[in-house]
Amino acid sequence: MKFTVVGAGAMGLRFGVLLQEAGNEVDFVEGWQPHYEQLKKQGGVYVTRERQNKHLVPVNVYTPEEYTATDADFVFFELKQM
């Protein structure tokens, strides 16, 4: 399946990476520019389990302006209420 996660914060990345590790295709859309730039700079997100086995998981991350895909099977919103 193909998923789009809107909001690549702690929870969005956590759920999205789990979906990705289960074999799904996942795109992340991040609106906060500093976070988007950091994910692009490091090439993904660092993940640990029980504070062990820290490793970099590559992710597809986009800004809202550059994301144009319309073929996701499921769109997951993980945004903070402001």
C-alpha atoms as a PDB file:
ATOM      1  CA  MET A   1       0.000   0.000   0.000  1.00  0.00           C
ATOM      2  CA  LYS A   2       0.999   3.608  -0.409  1.00  0.00           C
ATOM      3  CA  PHE A   3       0.647   6.002   2.523  1.00  0.00           C
ATOM      4  CA  THR A   4       1.085   9.745   2.849  1.00  0.00           C
ATOM      5  CA  VAL A   5       1.826  11.073   6.326  1.00  0.00           C
ATOM      6  CA  VAL A   6       1.114  14.786   6.686  1.00  0.00           C
ATOM      7  CA  GLY A   7       3.134  16.016   9.642  1.00  0.00           C
ATOM      8  CA  ALA A   8       6.567  14.451  10.018  1.00  0.00           C
ATOM      9  CA  GLY A   9       6.989  15.164  13.709  1.00  0.00           C
ATOM     10  CA  ALA A  10       7.634  12.564  16.391  1.00  0.00           C
ATOM     11  CA  MET A  11       4.329  10.713  15.990  1.00  0.00           C
ATOM     12  CA  GLY A  12       4.069  11.030  12.209  1.00  0.00           C
ATOM     13  CA  LEU A  13       7.586   9.718  11.735  1.00  0.00           C
ATOM     14  CA  ARG A  14       7.073   6.923  14.267  1.00  0.00           C
ATOM     15  CA  PHE A  15       3.958   5.562  12.594  1.00  0.00           C
ATOM     16  CA  GLY A  16       5.252   6.212   9.091  1.00  0.00           C
ATOM     17  CA  VAL A  17       8.551   4.438   9.681  1.00  0.00           C
ATOM     18  CA  LEU A  18       6.702   1.433  11.131  1.00  0.00           C
ATOM     19  CA  LEU A  19       4.535   1.323   8.016  1.00  0.00           C
ATOM     20  CA  GLN A  20       7.626   1.650   5.843  1.00  0.00           C
ATOM     21  CA  GLU A  21       9.466  -1.120   7.703  1.00  0.00           C
ATOM     22  CA  ALA A  22       6.418  -3.356   7.146  1.00  0.00           C
ATOM     23  CA  GLY A  23       6.981  -3.019   3.399  1.00  0.00           C
ATOM     24  CA  ASN A  24       4.699  -0.128   2.513  1.00  0.00           C
ATOM     25  CA  GLU A  25       5.600   2.911   0.439  1.00  0.00           C
ATOM     26  CA  VAL A  26       5.407   6.051   2.595  1.00  0.00           C
ATOM     27  CA  ASP A  27       5.727   9.740   1.721  1.00  0.00           C
ATOM     28  CA  PHE A  28       6.047  12.358   4.453  1.00  0.00           C
ATOM     29  CA  VAL A  29       4.844  15.934   4.084  1.00  0.00           C
ATOM     30  CA  GLU A  30       6.421  18.393   6.541  1.00  0.00           C
ATOM     31  CA  GLY A  31       5.349  22.022   6.727  1.00  0.00           C
ATOM     32  CA  TRP A  32       7.885  23.234   9.286  1.00  0.00           C
ATOM     33  CA  GLN A  33      10.843  24.303   7.163  1.00  0.00           C
ATOM     34  CA  PRO A  34      13.662  23.750   9.744  1.00  0.00           C
ATOM     35  CA  HIS A  35      12.506  20.180  10.354  1.00  0.00           C
ATOM     36  CA  TYR A  36      12.097  19.474   6.646  1.00  0.00           C
ATOM     37  CA  GLU A  37      15.625  20.784   5.987  1.00  0.00           C
ATOM     38  CA  GLN A  38      17.111  18.651   8.776  1.00  0.00           C
ATOM     39  CA  LEU A  39      15.459  15.485   7.455  1.00  0.00           C
ATOM     40  CA  LYS A  40      16.773  16.246   3.953  1.00  0.00           C
ATOM     41  CA  LYS A  41      20.254  17.109   5.265  1.00  0.00           C
ATOM     42  CA  GLN A  42      20.689  13.897   7.242  1.00  0.00           C
ATOM     43  CA  GLY A  43      19.004  11.757   4.585  1.00  0.00           C
ATOM     44  CA  GLY A  44      16.228  10.440   6.797  1.00  0.00           C
ATOM     45  CA  VAL A  45      15.367   9.963  10.443  1.00  0.00           C
ATOM     46  CA  TYR A  46      17.360   8.265  13.193  1.00  0.00           C
ATOM     47  CA  VAL A  47      15.449   5.453  14.904  1.00  0.00           C
ATOM     48  CA  THR A  48      16.234   3.515  18.077  1.00  0.00           C
ATOM     49  CA  ARG A  49      14.489   0.712  19.905  1.00  0.00           C
ATOM     50  CA  GLU A  50      14.848   0.846  23.667  1.00  0.00           C
ATOM     51  CA  ARG A  51      17.700   3.368  23.152  1.00  0.00           C
ATOM     52  CA  GLN A  52      19.744   0.760  21.300  1.00  0.00           C
ATOM     53  CA  ASN A  53      20.588   0.024  17.674  1.00  0.00           C
ATOM     54  CA  LYS A  54      20.428   3.653  16.518  1.00  0.00           C
ATOM     55  CA  HIS A  55      20.230   3.697  12.738  1.00  0.00           C
ATOM     56  CA  LEU A  56      19.253   6.038   9.943  1.00  0.00           C
ATOM     57  CA  VAL A  57      16.059   5.209   8.085  1.00  0.00           C
ATOM     58  CA  PRO A  58      15.806   6.969   4.708  1.00  0.00           C
ATOM     59  CA  VAL A  59      12.453   8.680   4.172  1.00  0.00           C
ATOM     60  CA  ASN A  60      10.768  10.484   1.288  1.00  0.00           C
ATOM     61  CA  VAL A  61      10.008  13.945   2.667  1.00  0.00           C
ATOM     62  CA  TYR A  62       8.376  16.867   0.881  1.00  0.00           C
ATOM     63  CA  THR A  63       7.089  20.342   1.689  1.00  0.00           C
ATOM     64  CA  PRO A  64       3.359  20.894   1.145  1.00  0.00           C
ATOM     65  CA  GLU A  65       4.169  23.080  -1.850  1.00  0.00           C
ATOM     66  CA  GLU A  66       6.239  20.442  -3.627  1.00  0.00           C
ATOM     67  CA  TYR A  67       4.061  17.405  -2.854  1.00  0.00           C
ATOM     68  CA  THR A  68       1.849  16.632  -5.830  1.00  0.00           C
ATOM     69  CA  ALA A  69       1.175  12.895  -5.572  1.00  0.00           C
ATOM     70  CA  THR A  70      -2.482  11.883  -5.599  1.00  0.00           C
ATOM     71  CA  ASP A  71      -2.115   8.095  -5.623  1.00  0.00           C
ATOM     72  CA  ALA A  72      -1.944   7.331  -1.888  1.00  0.00           C
ATOM     73  CA  ASP A  73      -4.199   4.569  -0.616  1.00  0.00           C
ATOM     74  CA  PHE A  74      -4.350   6.267   2.775  1.00  0.00           C
ATOM     75  CA  VAL A  75      -3.515   9.782   4.000  1.00  0.00           C
ATOM     76  CA  PHE A  76      -2.569  10.011   7.657  1.00  0.00           C
ATOM     77  CA  PHE A  77      -2.668  13.444   9.394  1.00  0.00           C
ATOM     78  CA  GLU A  78      -0.403  13.882  12.415  1.00  0.00           C
ATOM     79  CA  LEU A  79      -0.602  17.602  13.094  1.00  0.00           C
ATOM     80  CA  LYS A  80      -0.612  19.570  16.331  1.00  0.00           C
ATOM     81  CA  GLN A  81      -3.658  21.566  17.196  1.00  0.00           C
ATOM     82  CA  MET A  82      -2.737  25.223  17.288  1.00  0.00           C
END
